Protein backbone atom coordinates (compact mmCIF):
# COMPACT_ATOMS: atom_id res chain seq x y z
CA MET A 1 0.00 0.00 0.00
CA LYS A 2 1.12 3.55 -0.70
CA PRO A 3 2.07 5.61 2.36
CA ARG A 4 0.15 8.81 2.97
CA VAL A 5 3.38 10.81 3.31
CA SER A 6 6.77 10.54 1.64
CA ILE A 7 9.77 12.22 3.22
CA GLY A 8 12.62 12.88 0.81
CA LEU A 9 16.04 13.24 2.41
CA PRO A 10 18.81 14.17 -0.06
CA VAL A 11 22.22 14.10 1.60
CA TYR A 12 25.91 14.55 0.90
CA ASN A 13 28.48 14.04 3.65
CA GLY A 14 25.87 14.54 6.33
CA GLU A 15 27.33 12.47 9.16
CA ASN A 16 27.34 15.49 11.48
CA TYR A 17 23.54 15.78 11.86
CA LEU A 18 22.03 12.90 9.87
CA ALA A 19 21.28 10.55 12.79
CA GLU A 20 19.56 13.38 14.67
CA ALA A 21 17.43 14.22 11.62
CA LEU A 22 16.39 10.59 11.10
CA THR A 23 15.51 10.27 14.77
CA SER A 24 13.36 13.39 14.47
CA ILE A 25 11.53 11.79 11.55
CA LEU A 26 10.93 8.51 13.37
CA ASN A 27 9.63 10.42 16.40
CA GLN A 28 6.72 11.84 14.42
CA THR A 29 3.30 11.05 15.90
CA PHE A 30 1.92 10.55 12.37
CA LEU A 31 3.17 7.11 11.42
CA ASP A 32 1.99 6.41 7.87
CA PHE A 33 5.08 7.62 6.03
CA GLU A 34 8.11 6.44 4.09
CA VAL A 35 11.60 7.93 4.10
CA VAL A 36 13.46 8.07 0.79
CA ILE A 37 17.16 8.82 1.22
CA SER A 38 19.36 9.64 -1.78
CA ASP A 39 23.04 9.70 -0.88
CA ASN A 40 25.00 11.86 -3.33
CA ALA A 41 28.13 9.66 -3.26
CA SER A 42 29.14 10.72 0.27
CA THR A 43 32.70 10.06 1.41
CA ASP A 44 32.04 10.14 5.16
CA ARG A 45 29.90 7.88 7.43
CA THR A 46 26.62 8.87 5.75
CA ALA A 47 26.10 5.48 4.09
CA GLU A 48 26.80 3.61 7.33
CA ILE A 49 24.33 5.73 9.30
CA CYS A 50 21.62 5.35 6.66
CA ARG A 51 22.00 1.57 6.50
CA GLU A 52 21.85 1.31 10.28
CA PHE A 53 18.53 3.18 10.40
CA ALA A 54 17.12 1.33 7.36
CA ALA A 55 17.89 -2.01 9.01
CA LYS A 56 15.83 -1.01 12.05
CA ASP A 57 12.81 0.50 10.25
CA ASN A 58 11.44 -0.80 6.94
CA ARG A 59 9.82 2.57 6.19
CA ILE A 60 13.30 3.84 5.27
CA ARG A 61 14.59 3.25 1.73
CA TYR A 62 18.22 4.08 1.05
CA TYR A 63 19.67 4.83 -2.39
CA ARG A 64 23.21 5.84 -3.26
CA ASN A 65 24.31 7.69 -6.40
CA SER A 66 27.49 6.49 -8.07
CA GLU A 67 28.65 10.11 -8.37
CA ASN A 68 27.71 13.49 -6.97
CA LEU A 69 24.86 14.72 -9.15
CA GLY A 70 24.64 18.10 -7.47
CA ALA A 71 22.03 19.29 -4.99
CA GLY A 72 19.33 19.98 -7.57
CA PRO A 73 19.18 16.57 -9.28
CA ASN A 74 19.50 14.80 -5.93
CA GLN A 75 16.63 16.75 -4.40
CA ASN A 76 14.46 15.96 -7.40
CA ARG A 77 15.45 12.30 -7.24
CA VAL A 78 14.00 11.76 -3.77
CA PHE A 79 10.63 12.99 -5.03
CA GLU A 80 10.83 10.87 -8.19
CA LEU A 81 11.43 7.78 -6.01
CA SER A 82 8.59 8.61 -3.61
CA LYS A 83 5.12 7.05 -3.55
CA GLY A 84 3.13 9.10 -1.05
CA GLU A 85 0.08 11.29 -1.49
CA TYR A 86 1.94 14.09 0.27
CA PHE A 87 5.64 14.90 0.07
CA LYS A 88 8.16 16.73 2.24
CA TRP A 89 11.80 17.58 1.64
CA TRP A 90 13.79 17.08 4.83
CA ALA A 91 17.34 18.45 5.03
CA HIS A 92 19.84 16.25 6.86
CA ASP A 93 20.59 19.03 9.37
CA ASP A 94 17.03 20.17 10.22
CA LEU A 95 14.54 18.92 12.80
CA CYS A 96 10.77 19.03 13.29
CA ASP A 97 8.46 18.87 16.26
CA PRO A 98 6.85 15.39 16.63
CA GLU A 99 3.46 16.93 15.75
CA PHE A 100 4.64 18.50 12.47
CA LEU A 101 3.42 15.82 10.06
CA PHE A 102 0.18 15.18 11.96
CA LYS A 103 -0.87 18.82 11.85
CA CYS A 104 0.16 19.34 8.22
CA VAL A 105 -1.69 16.22 7.06
CA ASP A 106 -4.77 17.38 8.94
CA VAL A 107 -4.79 20.69 7.05
CA LEU A 108 -4.28 19.08 3.64
CA ASP A 109 -6.94 16.44 4.32
CA ARG A 110 -9.50 19.06 5.32
CA ASP A 111 -8.92 21.63 2.55
CA SER A 112 -8.25 20.53 -1.02
CA SER A 113 -7.47 24.11 -2.07
CA VAL A 114 -4.25 24.02 -0.01
CA VAL A 115 -1.25 22.58 -1.88
CA LEU A 116 1.42 23.29 0.75
CA CYS A 117 1.26 23.40 4.54
CA PHE A 118 4.18 24.68 6.60
CA SER A 119 4.79 26.00 10.10
CA LYS A 120 6.52 28.90 11.73
CA VAL A 121 10.29 28.50 11.98
CA THR A 122 12.69 28.38 14.89
CA VAL A 123 16.37 28.82 14.00
CA ILE A 124 18.72 26.59 16.00
CA GLY A 125 22.51 26.46 16.23
CA PRO A 126 25.07 23.70 15.54
CA SER A 127 24.32 21.96 18.86
CA GLY A 128 20.58 22.46 18.63
CA GLU A 129 20.62 25.56 20.83
CA PHE A 130 17.88 28.14 20.34
CA ILE A 131 18.89 31.16 18.26
CA GLU A 132 15.61 32.86 17.37
CA ASN A 133 12.03 32.43 16.30
CA PHE A 134 12.31 33.50 12.68
CA ASP A 135 10.12 36.45 11.72
CA GLY A 136 10.25 36.91 7.97
CA TYR A 137 8.50 40.25 8.21
CA ASN A 138 11.37 41.94 10.03
CA ARG A 139 13.91 40.77 7.46
CA LEU A 140 12.23 42.80 4.71
CA ALA A 141 11.96 46.49 3.94
CA PRO A 142 8.98 48.15 5.66
CA ALA A 143 7.02 48.28 2.40
CA GLN A 144 7.44 44.50 1.95
CA ARG A 145 6.56 43.29 5.44
CA HIS A 146 3.21 41.97 4.30
CA PHE A 147 5.04 38.77 3.24
CA MET A 148 3.18 35.58 4.13
CA SER A 149 -0.06 37.49 4.66
CA HIS A 150 -1.34 36.63 1.17
CA LEU A 151 0.04 33.11 0.68
CA SER A 152 -3.26 31.65 1.87
CA SER A 153 -5.31 33.97 -0.33
CA ARG A 154 -7.77 32.46 -2.77
CA GLN A 155 -6.66 35.10 -5.27
CA VAL A 156 -3.81 33.57 -7.21
CA VAL A 157 -2.41 36.94 -8.26
CA LYS A 158 -1.84 37.92 -4.61
CA ARG A 159 -0.02 34.66 -3.90
CA PHE A 160 2.16 35.12 -6.96
CA ALA A 161 3.02 38.73 -6.08
CA GLU A 162 3.87 37.70 -2.52
CA LEU A 163 6.54 35.24 -3.62
CA THR A 164 8.29 37.59 -6.03
CA VAL A 165 9.42 39.64 -2.99
CA PRO A 166 12.86 38.60 -1.62
CA HIS A 167 12.38 36.16 1.25
CA MET A 168 13.70 33.05 2.95
CA CYS A 169 12.32 29.94 1.24
CA TYR A 170 11.41 28.02 4.41
CA PRO A 171 7.95 27.00 3.03
CA ILE A 172 9.74 24.63 0.62
CA PHE A 173 10.24 22.37 3.66
CA GLY A 174 6.51 22.16 4.26
CA LEU A 175 4.23 19.25 3.34
CA ILE A 176 3.25 19.43 -0.34
CA ARG A 177 0.65 17.61 -2.40
CA SER A 178 2.57 15.22 -4.66
CA GLU A 179 0.01 15.76 -7.42
CA ALA A 180 0.83 19.48 -7.42
CA LEU A 181 4.57 18.79 -7.65
CA THR A 182 4.03 16.57 -10.70
CA LYS A 183 2.57 19.61 -12.47
CA THR A 184 5.87 21.49 -12.12
CA PRO A 185 9.37 20.94 -13.55
CA LEU A 186 10.49 20.46 -9.91
CA LEU A 187 13.70 22.21 -8.85
CA GLY A 188 15.84 23.87 -11.47
CA PHE A 189 19.62 23.81 -11.22
CA TYR A 190 20.29 27.46 -10.49
CA SER A 191 20.39 29.89 -7.58
CA ALA A 192 16.94 30.52 -6.01
CA ALA A 193 15.42 27.49 -7.75
CA ASP A 194 13.50 26.74 -4.54
CA ASN A 195 11.86 30.15 -4.71
CA VAL A 196 10.83 29.57 -8.33
CA LEU A 197 9.28 26.23 -7.39
CA LEU A 198 7.28 27.96 -4.64
CA VAL A 199 6.06 30.45 -7.23
CA ARG A 200 4.94 27.62 -9.52
CA LEU A 201 3.10 25.92 -6.65
CA SER A 202 1.39 29.18 -5.69
CA LEU A 203 -0.15 29.28 -9.17
CA ILE A 204 -1.71 25.88 -8.50
CA GLY A 205 -3.13 26.38 -5.01
CA ARG A 206 -3.02 28.06 -1.63
CA PHE A 207 -0.39 27.79 1.12
CA TYR A 208 -1.26 27.41 4.79
CA GLU A 209 0.99 28.43 7.67
CA LEU A 210 0.52 26.67 10.99
CA PRO A 211 0.67 29.15 13.89
CA GLU A 212 3.08 26.99 15.95
CA TYR A 213 6.88 26.89 15.67
CA LEU A 214 7.23 23.25 14.57
CA PHE A 215 10.14 23.45 12.11
CA TYR A 216 13.70 23.85 13.41
CA ALA A 217 16.10 25.15 10.78
CA ARG A 218 19.72 24.65 11.75
CA SER A 219 22.27 27.37 11.11
CA HIS A 220 25.90 26.22 10.91
CA ALA A 221 29.14 26.94 9.07
CA LYS A 222 28.88 24.11 6.54
CA GLN A 223 25.36 24.76 5.20
CA SER A 224 24.98 25.92 1.61
CA MET A 225 24.00 29.48 2.55
CA GLN A 226 27.30 29.86 4.39
CA VAL A 227 29.56 27.98 1.96
CA CYS A 228 28.20 29.34 -1.32
CA THR A 229 29.48 32.91 -1.19
CA ASP A 230 28.47 33.96 -4.72
CA HIS A 231 26.10 32.94 -7.52
CA ASN A 232 28.77 31.01 -9.43
CA ILE A 233 29.55 28.78 -6.44
CA TYR A 234 25.84 28.35 -5.75
CA ALA A 235 25.20 27.36 -9.37
CA GLU A 236 27.89 24.67 -9.18
CA TRP A 237 26.41 23.48 -5.85
CA TRP A 238 23.06 23.00 -7.57
CA SER A 239 24.71 21.07 -10.41
CA PRO A 240 28.38 20.33 -11.29
CA LYS A 241 27.40 20.90 -14.95
CA ASN A 242 27.23 24.62 -14.17
CA LYS A 243 30.96 24.81 -13.49
CA ASP A 244 32.68 27.45 -15.65
CA GLN A 245 29.33 28.39 -17.22
CA LEU A 246 28.08 31.94 -17.54
CA VAL A 247 25.74 32.63 -14.58
CA LEU A 248 23.07 35.31 -14.95
CA PRO A 249 21.00 34.89 -11.76
CA GLU A 250 18.65 37.88 -11.99
CA LEU A 251 17.84 37.26 -15.65
CA LYS A 252 17.35 33.54 -15.07
CA ILE A 253 14.95 34.00 -12.16
CA PHE A 254 12.95 36.69 -13.96
CA LEU A 255 12.58 34.49 -17.06
CA GLU A 256 11.50 31.59 -14.83
CA TYR A 257 8.78 33.78 -13.30
CA ILE A 258 7.52 34.52 -16.81
CA ASP A 259 7.65 30.84 -17.74
CA ALA A 260 5.79 29.86 -14.56
CA VAL A 261 2.89 32.07 -15.55
CA ARG A 262 3.02 31.09 -19.22
CA THR A 263 2.88 27.35 -18.53
CA SER A 264 0.22 27.58 -15.80
CA ASN A 265 -3.42 26.63 -16.33
CA LEU A 266 -4.66 30.06 -15.32
CA PRO A 267 -7.23 31.97 -17.40
CA LEU A 268 -5.74 34.61 -19.69
CA ILE A 269 -6.89 37.54 -17.54
CA GLN A 270 -5.17 36.10 -14.46
CA LYS A 271 -1.99 35.48 -16.44
CA LEU A 272 -2.00 39.10 -17.58
CA ASN A 273 -2.48 40.26 -13.99
CA CYS A 274 0.49 38.15 -12.87
CA TYR A 275 2.63 39.60 -15.65
CA ALA A 276 1.65 43.08 -14.46
CA TYR A 277 3.00 42.26 -10.99
CA LEU A 278 6.37 41.52 -12.56
CA LEU A 279 6.82 45.19 -13.45
CA PRO A 280 7.82 46.14 -9.86
CA VAL A 281 10.23 43.18 -9.89
CA LEU A 282 11.74 44.49 -13.11
CA ARG A 283 12.17 47.94 -11.59
CA ARG A 284 13.82 46.47 -8.49
CA ILE A 285 16.40 44.44 -10.41
CA ARG A 286 16.91 46.78 -13.36
CA LYS A 287 20.52 47.68 -12.52
CA PRO A 288 21.92 44.15 -11.96
CA LEU A 289 19.76 42.91 -14.84
CA PHE A 290 21.29 45.48 -17.20
CA GLN A 291 24.78 44.49 -16.02
CA GLU A 292 24.01 40.81 -16.69
CA ILE A 293 22.70 41.56 -20.19
CA VAL A 294 25.88 43.49 -21.00
CA LEU A 295 27.97 40.65 -19.55
CA ALA A 296 26.10 38.07 -21.64
CA PHE A 297 26.49 40.16 -24.80
CA ASN A 298 30.24 40.53 -24.25
CA TYR A 299 30.60 36.84 -23.37
CA TYR A 300 28.85 35.54 -26.48
CA THR A 301 30.48 38.14 -28.71
CA ALA A 302 33.91 37.00 -27.50
CA ARG A 303 33.01 33.34 -28.06
CA LYS A 304 31.74 34.07 -31.54
CA ARG A 305 34.90 36.01 -32.35
CA THR A 306 37.08 33.13 -31.05
CA PHE A 307 35.09 30.59 -33.09
CA PHE A 308 35.42 32.71 -36.22
CA THR A 309 39.19 33.05 -35.72
CA LEU A 310 39.63 29.30 -35.23
CA SER A 311 37.52 28.60 -38.32
CA GLN A 312 39.68 30.93 -40.40
CA LYS A 313 42.85 29.18 -39.23
CA ALA A 314 41.35 25.78 -40.07
């Protein structure tokens, strides 16, 4: 029988927190779940820890890639291997309250218009010590502090506009309807791909935020946000195929927003309204966007000139 919930745990060299994360999963009061682990060719004790837990609980399925595919393909792989009605990505260094799954499932079971249920976030340190109860509102400019207030709106345009404002992508670790995820391209292999996926999901249905702090996001020196110091490093973290490639983050994200609207099943009038909300985004990023366009022009002009020179010599 299919489990109600699938938990996807992509991991690479996660021996530091992996056992704690798996214990947090197995401590959930909602029991009808499977755990799909995809090990990205780890070189530490990750495989040993996973096999130990899988041997004790048959709800855990462990897979190991023959090479490091990058974070993006590995995160998509755990969903592709899953079977549940609902799906949750679970990072190897994060924890959840034992009631997290139970309360999220309850919301999704009761309201079919909700595609993603998440909770408020507590940030913890390397040893699990309390750092803060995250308040996304205070991280934004005063004019943008309405964030999260419209994610549960039944008006799709409001949800879309909400997610084009810079924010932390904690909702991606909520419980998501698998059917909704199958209607998206999943995670792209570029910086802020998780935000773009949230945008695509918002065009399908509503989000619901639980009022309790049930998700514990760990902050530590080795997490991607700390290690990836620029867009080029982040792009390679998402996929090794991005190494030495031209990275145009602002242009890429903006084009993905357009594509999300274009490929949605929304009526034409709603699509046009969503496009209209991209005008403030365009104004906000106009300077870096112009710089990226100039960079791309110079890059491809130089490549074309090199190709022409080599052709002449041949």
